[in-house]
Each structure stands twice: as C-alpha cells, then as structure tokens.
Amino acid sequence: MVVGILQIELRIEWSESLKDKRRVLSSLKDRLHREHQVSVAEVGQLEDHRVAVLGIAMASNSAAYCRSVLDRIVDKLRRTRDCVLSDHQVQVLTGW
C-alpha cells in the first residue's frame, strides 16, 4: 500500500472575513475530491482569514501514480485564480 500526502499553504489576499475564506476552500476541496478522488481537510491557520493550510491524502498501489496525482494537484493550484499557492510539501509513504 502507498499513501501520498500533500500539505499546501494558500494565500487568499482579497479575503476580508472567514466567510470569504470558507467559500473559496469549500469550492476547492469539493473540486479536488471530485476530480482526483483525494481526501482534503483544512489542517492549519484556521482563524486567519487570508491564509489556509490544507492536507490532501490518497491511497494507491503505485508510488508513481500517487506522485503523479499530487503533482497534478499542485499544478492545478498554481493556476487557481481565487488563491495563491505559497508553499507545498509532498510525501509518499510505502508499506510492505
């Protein structure tokens, strides 16, 4: 079993409230889950209305496939216009 983990930091400079932030994140989380079959959760900076930290995880039987999906997600986030990808980390864990 292979588990891929992606942690991203997003900046939402135009956001004026937590409500603005949640609207962007809700749409983004739903889209990533639907298009890539990954789990997405907000894991940090919960009270800052201009910064979000998301954790994205997926399970697979191939490390190469896992890395490929996570790399596509990073590329997609770089092109997103509602927020700016300011940092990311990828880790692929392999079992037996």
N, C-alpha and C. Protein backbone atom coordinates (compact mmCIF):
# COMPACT_ATOMS: atom_id res chain seq x y z
N MET A 1 0.83 -1.18 0.00
CA MET A 1 0.00 0.00 0.00
C MET A 1 0.88 1.24 0.00
N VAL A 2 0.45 2.24 -0.72
CA VAL A 2 1.15 3.51 -0.82
C VAL A 2 0.19 4.62 -0.39
N VAL A 3 0.68 5.53 0.43
CA VAL A 3 -0.11 6.68 0.86
C VAL A 3 0.62 7.94 0.44
N GLY A 4 -0.07 8.81 -0.27
CA GLY A 4 0.50 10.09 -0.67
C GLY A 4 -0.09 11.20 0.17
N ILE A 5 0.78 12.08 0.63
CA ILE A 5 0.35 13.20 1.47
C ILE A 5 0.88 14.50 0.85
N LEU A 6 -0.01 15.45 0.71
CA LEU A 6 0.36 16.77 0.20
C LEU A 6 -0.14 17.81 1.19
N GLN A 7 0.76 18.64 1.66
CA GLN A 7 0.36 19.76 2.53
C GLN A 7 0.63 21.04 1.76
N ILE A 8 -0.39 21.89 1.69
CA ILE A 8 -0.27 23.13 0.92
C ILE A 8 -0.63 24.32 1.78
N GLU A 9 0.00 25.44 1.47
CA GLU A 9 -0.36 26.71 2.10
C GLU A 9 -0.86 27.63 1.00
N LEU A 10 -2.05 28.15 1.21
CA LEU A 10 -2.67 29.05 0.24
C LEU A 10 -2.83 30.43 0.85
N ARG A 11 -2.66 31.46 0.04
CA ARG A 11 -2.91 32.83 0.46
C ARG A 11 -4.12 33.33 -0.32
N ILE A 12 -5.06 33.89 0.42
CA ILE A 12 -6.27 34.45 -0.17
C ILE A 12 -6.27 35.93 0.18
N GLU A 13 -5.49 36.70 -0.57
CA GLU A 13 -5.21 38.09 -0.23
C GLU A 13 -6.46 38.97 -0.23
N TRP A 14 -7.41 38.71 -1.06
CA TRP A 14 -8.59 39.57 -1.18
C TRP A 14 -9.63 39.28 -0.09
N SER A 15 -9.47 38.20 0.65
CA SER A 15 -10.45 37.80 1.65
C SER A 15 -10.55 38.83 2.77
N GLU A 16 -11.77 39.18 3.13
CA GLU A 16 -11.99 40.14 4.21
C GLU A 16 -12.61 39.51 5.45
N SER A 17 -12.93 38.21 5.37
CA SER A 17 -13.55 37.53 6.51
C SER A 17 -13.34 36.02 6.40
N LEU A 18 -13.61 35.33 7.48
CA LEU A 18 -13.55 33.87 7.46
C LEU A 18 -14.59 33.30 6.51
N LYS A 19 -15.69 34.00 6.34
CA LYS A 19 -16.73 33.57 5.42
C LYS A 19 -16.21 33.54 3.98
N ASP A 20 -15.45 34.56 3.58
CA ASP A 20 -14.82 34.58 2.24
C ASP A 20 -13.87 33.40 2.08
N LYS A 21 -13.06 33.18 3.11
CA LYS A 21 -12.09 32.08 3.08
C LYS A 21 -12.80 30.74 2.95
N ARG A 22 -13.83 30.52 3.75
CA ARG A 22 -14.55 29.24 3.72
C ARG A 22 -15.21 28.99 2.36
N ARG A 23 -15.70 30.05 1.73
CA ARG A 23 -16.32 29.90 0.41
C ARG A 23 -15.31 29.39 -0.61
N VAL A 24 -14.11 29.97 -0.60
CA VAL A 24 -13.06 29.54 -1.52
C VAL A 24 -12.64 28.11 -1.22
N LEU A 25 -12.40 27.82 0.07
CA LEU A 25 -11.92 26.49 0.43
C LEU A 25 -12.96 25.41 0.19
N SER A 26 -14.20 25.69 0.45
CA SER A 26 -15.24 24.70 0.23
C SER A 26 -15.31 24.29 -1.24
N SER A 27 -15.28 25.28 -2.11
CA SER A 27 -15.30 25.01 -3.55
C SER A 27 -14.06 24.22 -3.98
N LEU A 28 -12.91 24.64 -3.49
CA LEU A 28 -11.65 24.00 -3.85
C LEU A 28 -11.61 22.55 -3.35
N LYS A 29 -11.99 22.32 -2.10
CA LYS A 29 -11.99 20.97 -1.53
C LYS A 29 -12.93 20.05 -2.30
N ASP A 30 -14.12 20.53 -2.61
CA ASP A 30 -15.08 19.71 -3.37
C ASP A 30 -14.54 19.36 -4.75
N ARG A 31 -13.95 20.34 -5.42
CA ARG A 31 -13.42 20.10 -6.77
C ARG A 31 -12.27 19.11 -6.76
N LEU A 32 -11.33 19.25 -5.80
CA LEU A 32 -10.20 18.32 -5.74
C LEU A 32 -10.66 16.89 -5.43
N HIS A 33 -11.61 16.77 -4.51
CA HIS A 33 -12.13 15.45 -4.18
C HIS A 33 -12.82 14.81 -5.39
N ARG A 34 -13.64 15.58 -6.07
CA ARG A 34 -14.40 15.07 -7.21
C ARG A 34 -13.47 14.70 -8.39
N GLU A 35 -12.50 15.53 -8.68
CA GLU A 35 -11.67 15.33 -9.87
C GLU A 35 -10.50 14.36 -9.66
N HIS A 36 -10.02 14.23 -8.39
CA HIS A 36 -8.82 13.42 -8.15
C HIS A 36 -9.03 12.29 -7.14
N GLN A 37 -10.23 12.18 -6.58
CA GLN A 37 -10.54 11.15 -5.59
C GLN A 37 -9.56 11.16 -4.42
N VAL A 38 -9.33 12.33 -3.86
CA VAL A 38 -8.44 12.50 -2.70
C VAL A 38 -9.27 13.01 -1.53
N SER A 39 -8.73 12.85 -0.33
CA SER A 39 -9.34 13.43 0.86
C SER A 39 -8.67 14.77 1.13
N VAL A 40 -9.46 15.76 1.48
CA VAL A 40 -8.95 17.12 1.68
C VAL A 40 -9.51 17.66 2.99
N ALA A 41 -8.63 18.24 3.82
CA ALA A 41 -9.07 18.85 5.07
C ALA A 41 -8.24 20.09 5.36
N GLU A 42 -8.87 21.07 5.98
CA GLU A 42 -8.14 22.25 6.45
C GLU A 42 -7.45 21.86 7.75
N VAL A 43 -6.13 21.99 7.81
CA VAL A 43 -5.37 21.48 8.96
C VAL A 43 -4.59 22.55 9.71
N GLY A 44 -4.64 23.78 9.28
CA GLY A 44 -3.89 24.83 9.97
C GLY A 44 -4.38 26.22 9.59
N GLN A 45 -3.95 27.21 10.38
CA GLN A 45 -4.31 28.62 10.15
C GLN A 45 -5.83 28.80 10.08
N LEU A 46 -6.54 28.13 10.98
CA LEU A 46 -8.00 28.12 10.94
C LEU A 46 -8.62 29.50 11.19
N GLU A 47 -7.97 30.33 11.97
CA GLU A 47 -8.56 31.63 12.31
C GLU A 47 -8.04 32.79 11.48
N ASP A 48 -7.06 32.54 10.63
CA ASP A 48 -6.52 33.58 9.76
C ASP A 48 -7.34 33.60 8.47
N HIS A 49 -8.00 34.71 8.16
CA HIS A 49 -8.89 34.73 7.01
C HIS A 49 -8.17 34.90 5.67
N ARG A 50 -6.86 35.06 5.69
CA ARG A 50 -6.11 35.21 4.44
C ARG A 50 -5.13 34.08 4.16
N VAL A 51 -4.99 33.14 5.09
CA VAL A 51 -4.06 32.02 4.90
C VAL A 51 -4.79 30.72 5.23
N ALA A 52 -4.57 29.69 4.42
CA ALA A 52 -5.16 28.38 4.68
C ALA A 52 -4.10 27.32 4.49
N VAL A 53 -4.11 26.32 5.36
CA VAL A 53 -3.24 25.17 5.21
C VAL A 53 -4.15 23.96 5.03
N LEU A 54 -3.97 23.26 3.91
CA LEU A 54 -4.78 22.08 3.61
C LEU A 54 -3.91 20.84 3.60
N GLY A 55 -4.47 19.75 4.08
CA GLY A 55 -3.85 18.44 3.98
C GLY A 55 -4.63 17.62 2.97
N ILE A 56 -3.91 17.01 2.05
CA ILE A 56 -4.53 16.20 0.99
C ILE A 56 -3.90 14.82 1.05
N ALA A 57 -4.72 13.78 1.06
CA ALA A 57 -4.20 12.42 1.18
C ALA A 57 -4.88 11.50 0.17
N MET A 58 -4.12 10.49 -0.26
CA MET A 58 -4.67 9.47 -1.14
C MET A 58 -3.96 8.15 -0.92
N ALA A 59 -4.65 7.08 -1.19
CA ALA A 59 -4.08 5.74 -1.10
C ALA A 59 -4.05 5.14 -2.49
N SER A 60 -3.02 4.33 -2.75
CA SER A 60 -2.86 3.74 -4.07
C SER A 60 -2.02 2.47 -3.94
N ASN A 61 -1.84 1.79 -5.05
CA ASN A 61 -0.92 0.65 -5.06
C ASN A 61 0.36 0.98 -5.81
N SER A 62 0.49 2.25 -6.24
CA SER A 62 1.65 2.67 -7.02
C SER A 62 2.18 4.01 -6.53
N ALA A 63 3.45 4.03 -6.16
CA ALA A 63 4.06 5.28 -5.71
C ALA A 63 4.13 6.29 -6.87
N ALA A 64 4.40 5.81 -8.07
CA ALA A 64 4.50 6.70 -9.23
C ALA A 64 3.14 7.36 -9.52
N TYR A 65 2.07 6.58 -9.42
CA TYR A 65 0.74 7.14 -9.66
C TYR A 65 0.39 8.16 -8.58
N CYS A 66 0.70 7.83 -7.35
CA CYS A 66 0.45 8.75 -6.22
C CYS A 66 1.16 10.08 -6.47
N ARG A 67 2.42 10.02 -6.77
CA ARG A 67 3.21 11.22 -7.02
C ARG A 67 2.64 12.00 -8.20
N SER A 68 2.23 11.30 -9.23
CA SER A 68 1.67 11.94 -10.42
C SER A 68 0.39 12.72 -10.09
N VAL A 69 -0.52 12.12 -9.33
CA VAL A 69 -1.77 12.79 -8.96
C VAL A 69 -1.47 14.02 -8.10
N LEU A 70 -0.60 13.87 -7.12
CA LEU A 70 -0.29 15.01 -6.24
C LEU A 70 0.41 16.13 -7.00
N ASP A 71 1.26 15.78 -7.95
CA ASP A 71 1.90 16.81 -8.78
C ASP A 71 0.88 17.55 -9.65
N ARG A 72 -0.11 16.81 -10.18
CA ARG A 72 -1.16 17.46 -10.97
C ARG A 72 -1.98 18.42 -10.11
N ILE A 73 -2.21 18.04 -8.86
CA ILE A 73 -2.95 18.92 -7.95
C ILE A 73 -2.17 20.20 -7.70
N VAL A 74 -0.87 20.07 -7.47
CA VAL A 74 -0.02 21.26 -7.26
C VAL A 74 -0.07 22.16 -8.49
N ASP A 75 0.04 21.57 -9.68
CA ASP A 75 -0.03 22.37 -10.91
C ASP A 75 -1.38 23.08 -11.03
N LYS A 76 -2.45 22.39 -10.70
CA LYS A 76 -3.79 22.98 -10.76
C LYS A 76 -3.90 24.14 -9.78
N LEU A 77 -3.35 23.98 -8.58
CA LEU A 77 -3.42 25.04 -7.57
C LEU A 77 -2.59 26.25 -7.96
N ARG A 78 -1.52 26.04 -8.69
CA ARG A 78 -0.72 27.18 -9.17
C ARG A 78 -1.50 28.03 -10.16
N ARG A 79 -2.47 27.42 -10.86
CA ARG A 79 -3.26 28.15 -11.86
C ARG A 79 -4.58 28.68 -11.31
N THR A 80 -4.90 28.38 -10.07
CA THR A 80 -6.15 28.83 -9.48
C THR A 80 -6.12 30.33 -9.29
N ARG A 81 -7.20 31.00 -9.64
CA ARG A 81 -7.19 32.47 -9.55
C ARG A 81 -7.76 33.00 -8.26
N ASP A 82 -8.48 32.17 -7.47
CA ASP A 82 -9.05 32.64 -6.21
C ASP A 82 -8.03 32.71 -5.08
N CYS A 83 -6.91 32.02 -5.24
CA CYS A 83 -5.90 32.00 -4.19
C CYS A 83 -4.53 31.76 -4.82
N VAL A 84 -3.48 31.94 -3.99
CA VAL A 84 -2.10 31.76 -4.46
C VAL A 84 -1.46 30.65 -3.65
N LEU A 85 -0.87 29.69 -4.35
CA LEU A 85 -0.13 28.62 -3.67
C LEU A 85 1.20 29.19 -3.21
N SER A 86 1.39 29.30 -1.89
CA SER A 86 2.62 29.91 -1.39
C SER A 86 3.65 28.87 -0.94
N ASP A 87 3.22 27.66 -0.62
CA ASP A 87 4.16 26.62 -0.20
C ASP A 87 3.48 25.26 -0.32
N HIS A 88 4.28 24.21 -0.51
CA HIS A 88 3.73 22.86 -0.50
C HIS A 88 4.82 21.85 -0.17
N GLN A 89 4.38 20.71 0.38
CA GLN A 89 5.27 19.59 0.67
C GLN A 89 4.57 18.32 0.26
N VAL A 90 5.31 17.42 -0.36
CA VAL A 90 4.77 16.14 -0.81
C VAL A 90 5.56 15.02 -0.13
N GLN A 91 4.83 14.02 0.33
CA GLN A 91 5.47 12.85 0.93
C GLN A 91 4.71 11.62 0.46
N VAL A 92 5.43 10.61 0.00
CA VAL A 92 4.84 9.36 -0.41
C VAL A 92 5.39 8.26 0.48
N LEU A 93 4.49 7.60 1.20
CA LEU A 93 4.87 6.55 2.15
C LEU A 93 4.52 5.19 1.55
N THR A 94 5.45 4.25 1.62
CA THR A 94 5.19 2.91 1.10
C THR A 94 5.18 1.92 2.25
N GLY A 95 4.29 0.95 2.16
CA GLY A 95 4.17 -0.09 3.18
C GLY A 95 4.90 -1.34 2.74
N TRP A 96 4.41 -2.44 3.21
CA TRP A 96 5.03 -3.75 2.97
C TRP A 96 5.73 -3.80 1.68
